[in-house]
Amino acid sequence: MVGAVAMALTSCVSTEEEVVEVVYKLDKDASSLGWKGQKNPEYFHEGTVMFSEGELTMTGDDISNGNITVDMSTIVNTDIEDEGKKGYLEAHLKGLPEGKEEHFFNIQKFATAEVKINGYEKGKLDITLIALGKEVNDKIDVAVNKDDKSITLTGKFSLDLAKLDMPGMMPDPETGEKIQSLVEFDLNLTLKK
């Protein structure tokens, strides 16, 4: 009887699948983040910003954690044709030149932003954005596709950046107009083993 129980237990243990932890590294050439900011539906601008490094840990088939770095110096505009106006907006968003540092992302002081990945469940990626020394937590709609060599995360979502307290998003004292704190993003993130 004891031998039968021992054999049964051994059989159960041998059939258990080992949970494997795999770390994927950012493929920055295959990744991008599109953005769209607006005052209203008729007045908006679009562009991209690039990732510089990052990794994602998969435990079995589940995303357990990760960290992605955004290079804020790579902010570009894609909808303005006039090079002068395009350059002005890009500098404005980066907090350049001197005297404009606090308007938006102040890249001289905060060269990068970090995105911590806390998990993934039911199509939602749980993230913490760390920018300008402050945090924004949210769960965003993201599709995950994985093969033998890589994993891709894609999705269109909005993040409310009000917690970053950027002066550039404060209402104009004369007109009351403001840049909306809800910014739209288009994520295309590829990581490889």
Protein backbone atom coordinates (compact mmCIF):
# COMPACT_ATOMS: atom_id res chain seq x y z
CA MET A 1 0.00 0.00 0.00
CA VAL A 2 2.78 2.43 0.95
CA GLY A 3 4.61 1.55 -2.24
CA ALA A 4 1.52 2.28 -4.33
CA VAL A 5 1.07 5.68 -2.69
CA ALA A 6 4.76 6.48 -3.24
CA MET A 7 4.48 5.51 -6.91
CA ALA A 8 1.37 7.67 -7.30
CA LEU A 9 3.09 10.67 -5.74
CA THR A 10 6.17 10.16 -7.91
CA SER A 11 3.96 9.97 -10.98
CA CYS A 12 2.22 13.25 -10.06
CA VAL A 13 5.50 15.06 -9.52
CA SER A 14 6.99 13.82 -12.78
CA THR A 15 4.02 15.11 -14.79
CA GLU A 16 4.14 18.61 -13.32
CA GLU A 17 5.39 21.17 -15.84
CA GLU A 18 8.30 23.31 -14.77
CA VAL A 19 7.45 27.03 -14.83
CA VAL A 20 10.20 28.79 -16.76
CA GLU A 21 11.14 32.44 -16.33
CA VAL A 22 12.34 34.11 -19.53
CA VAL A 23 13.73 37.65 -19.88
CA TYR A 24 13.18 39.50 -23.16
CA LYS A 25 15.30 42.52 -24.14
CA LEU A 26 14.06 45.59 -26.00
CA ASP A 27 14.51 45.68 -29.78
CA LYS A 28 14.55 49.47 -30.01
CA ASP A 29 14.79 49.54 -33.81
CA ALA A 30 11.50 47.63 -34.05
CA SER A 31 9.74 49.63 -31.33
CA SER A 32 8.08 53.04 -31.19
CA LEU A 33 5.56 55.10 -29.26
CA GLY A 34 3.24 57.47 -31.09
CA TRP A 35 1.60 60.36 -29.22
CA LYS A 36 -1.23 62.83 -29.79
CA GLY A 37 -1.82 65.88 -27.60
CA GLN A 38 -4.60 68.41 -28.03
CA LYS A 39 -6.39 71.50 -26.79
CA ASN A 40 -9.57 70.28 -28.46
CA PRO A 41 -10.52 67.84 -31.27
CA GLU A 42 -9.76 70.52 -33.90
CA TYR A 43 -6.43 71.68 -32.43
CA PHE A 44 -3.92 68.89 -31.86
CA HIS A 45 -0.41 67.70 -32.71
CA GLU A 46 1.03 64.22 -33.23
CA GLY A 47 4.47 62.69 -33.12
CA THR A 48 6.68 59.92 -31.80
CA VAL A 49 9.16 59.26 -29.02
CA MET A 50 11.62 56.36 -28.88
CA PHE A 51 12.56 53.77 -26.29
CA SER A 52 16.25 53.44 -25.37
CA GLU A 53 16.39 50.23 -23.32
CA GLY A 54 14.24 47.80 -21.43
CA GLU A 55 13.34 44.26 -20.56
CA LEU A 56 10.29 42.15 -19.83
CA THR A 57 10.09 38.99 -17.72
CA MET A 58 7.70 36.21 -18.63
CA THR A 59 6.93 33.55 -16.02
CA GLY A 60 5.43 30.72 -18.02
CA ASP A 61 2.82 32.41 -20.20
CA ASP A 62 2.35 35.36 -17.86
CA ILE A 63 4.01 38.78 -17.89
CA SER A 64 5.35 39.17 -14.37
CA ASN A 65 7.29 42.44 -14.57
CA GLY A 66 9.37 44.72 -16.75
CA ASN A 67 10.95 48.11 -17.14
CA ILE A 68 11.14 50.26 -20.27
CA THR A 69 13.12 53.51 -20.62
CA VAL A 70 11.85 56.30 -22.85
CA ASP A 71 14.45 58.69 -24.29
CA MET A 72 12.70 62.05 -23.94
CA SER A 73 15.26 63.78 -26.19
CA THR A 74 13.78 61.85 -29.14
CA ILE A 75 10.39 63.61 -29.05
CA VAL A 76 9.49 64.59 -32.62
CA ASN A 77 6.43 66.07 -34.27
CA THR A 78 5.03 64.43 -37.41
CA ASP A 79 2.11 66.62 -38.47
CA ILE A 80 3.68 70.09 -38.94
CA GLU A 81 5.24 70.67 -42.35
CA ASP A 82 6.86 74.04 -41.61
CA GLU A 83 10.33 73.19 -40.23
CA GLY A 84 10.49 76.32 -38.07
CA LYS A 85 7.15 75.65 -36.36
CA LYS A 86 7.96 71.95 -36.07
CA GLY A 87 11.30 72.70 -34.40
CA TYR A 88 9.69 75.22 -32.06
CA LEU A 89 7.09 72.70 -30.86
CA GLU A 90 9.69 69.95 -30.37
CA ALA A 91 11.92 72.28 -28.33
CA HIS A 92 8.89 73.46 -26.35
CA LEU A 93 7.94 69.88 -25.42
CA LYS A 94 11.53 69.09 -24.43
CA GLY A 95 11.72 72.15 -22.17
CA LEU A 96 14.15 74.05 -24.39
CA PRO A 97 15.61 76.66 -24.69
CA GLU A 98 16.73 78.04 -21.33
CA GLY A 99 13.85 79.62 -19.47
CA LYS A 100 11.32 77.13 -20.87
CA GLU A 101 12.55 74.14 -18.84
CA GLU A 102 9.47 73.74 -16.70
CA HIS A 103 6.88 73.93 -19.50
CA PHE A 104 6.73 70.26 -20.39
CA PHE A 105 9.31 67.47 -20.08
CA ASN A 106 12.47 69.39 -19.04
CA ILE A 107 14.92 66.96 -20.67
CA GLN A 108 17.95 68.78 -19.25
CA LYS A 109 16.90 67.60 -15.78
CA PHE A 110 14.81 64.54 -16.69
CA ALA A 111 16.46 62.99 -19.75
CA THR A 112 14.38 59.82 -19.55
CA ALA A 113 11.03 58.56 -18.36
CA GLU A 114 10.56 55.05 -16.98
CA VAL A 115 7.66 52.70 -17.51
CA LYS A 116 7.42 49.92 -14.93
CA ILE A 117 5.35 46.93 -15.98
CA ASN A 118 3.63 45.40 -12.98
CA GLY A 119 1.64 42.63 -14.67
CA TYR A 120 -0.90 41.79 -17.37
CA GLU A 121 -4.42 40.49 -16.95
CA LYS A 122 -7.51 40.30 -19.18
CA GLY A 123 -5.98 42.45 -21.93
CA LYS A 124 -4.81 45.16 -19.52
CA LEU A 125 -1.17 46.03 -18.91
CA ASP A 126 -0.63 47.36 -15.39
CA ILE A 127 1.96 50.15 -15.60
CA THR A 128 3.59 52.88 -13.56
CA LEU A 129 4.95 55.84 -15.54
CA ILE A 130 7.72 57.73 -13.76
CA ALA A 131 8.37 61.15 -15.33
CA LEU A 132 9.48 64.51 -13.93
CA GLY A 133 10.08 62.73 -10.62
CA LYS A 134 6.39 61.81 -10.28
CA GLU A 135 4.30 58.70 -10.89
CA VAL A 136 1.19 57.92 -12.92
CA ASN A 137 -0.42 54.49 -12.45
CA ASP A 138 -2.87 52.99 -14.92
CA LYS A 139 -4.04 49.83 -16.65
CA ILE A 140 -3.93 50.16 -20.42
CA ASP A 141 -5.37 48.14 -23.30
CA VAL A 142 -2.55 46.14 -24.87
CA ALA A 143 -2.47 43.05 -27.10
CA VAL A 144 0.37 40.58 -26.47
CA ASN A 145 1.78 38.26 -29.13
CA LYS A 146 4.59 35.82 -28.44
CA ASP A 147 6.57 33.34 -30.54
CA ASP A 148 9.74 31.31 -29.97
CA LYS A 149 12.04 34.32 -30.30
CA SER A 150 10.15 37.48 -29.40
CA ILE A 151 7.18 39.15 -27.76
CA THR A 152 5.27 42.17 -29.05
CA LEU A 153 2.96 44.52 -27.17
CA THR A 154 0.69 46.73 -29.26
CA GLY A 155 -2.18 49.00 -28.38
CA LYS A 156 -3.84 52.40 -28.58
CA PHE A 157 -4.69 53.98 -25.25
CA SER A 158 -4.84 57.27 -23.35
CA LEU A 159 -2.97 58.32 -20.22
CA ASP A 160 -3.98 61.20 -17.97
CA LEU A 161 -0.77 63.11 -17.19
CA ALA A 162 -2.42 65.57 -14.78
CA LYS A 163 -0.41 64.15 -11.86
CA LEU A 164 2.81 65.36 -13.51
CA ASP A 165 1.74 68.97 -12.82
CA MET A 166 3.31 70.37 -16.01
CA PRO A 167 2.93 74.16 -16.29
CA GLY A 168 2.48 73.65 -20.04
CA MET A 169 -0.83 71.98 -19.29
CA MET A 170 -2.10 74.68 -16.93
CA PRO A 171 -4.94 76.96 -18.18
CA ASP A 172 -3.95 80.22 -19.89
CA PRO A 173 -4.74 82.97 -17.32
CA GLU A 174 -6.20 85.20 -20.06
CA THR A 175 -8.17 82.77 -22.22
CA GLY A 176 -8.67 79.79 -19.92
CA GLU A 177 -7.51 77.51 -22.75
CA LYS A 178 -5.25 74.60 -21.89
CA ILE A 179 -3.55 71.55 -23.34
CA GLN A 180 -5.60 68.54 -22.28
CA SER A 181 -3.85 66.30 -19.74
CA LEU A 182 -5.29 63.20 -21.43
CA VAL A 183 -2.71 62.21 -24.06
CA GLU A 184 -3.29 59.48 -26.65
CA PHE A 185 -0.59 56.89 -27.36
CA ASP A 186 0.02 54.24 -30.01
CA LEU A 187 2.36 51.54 -28.64
CA ASN A 188 4.45 49.18 -30.75
CA LEU A 189 6.92 47.40 -28.47
CA THR A 190 9.08 44.46 -29.51
CA LEU A 191 11.38 42.52 -27.21
CA LYS A 192 13.55 39.48 -28.02
CA LYS A 193 15.13 36.63 -26.09
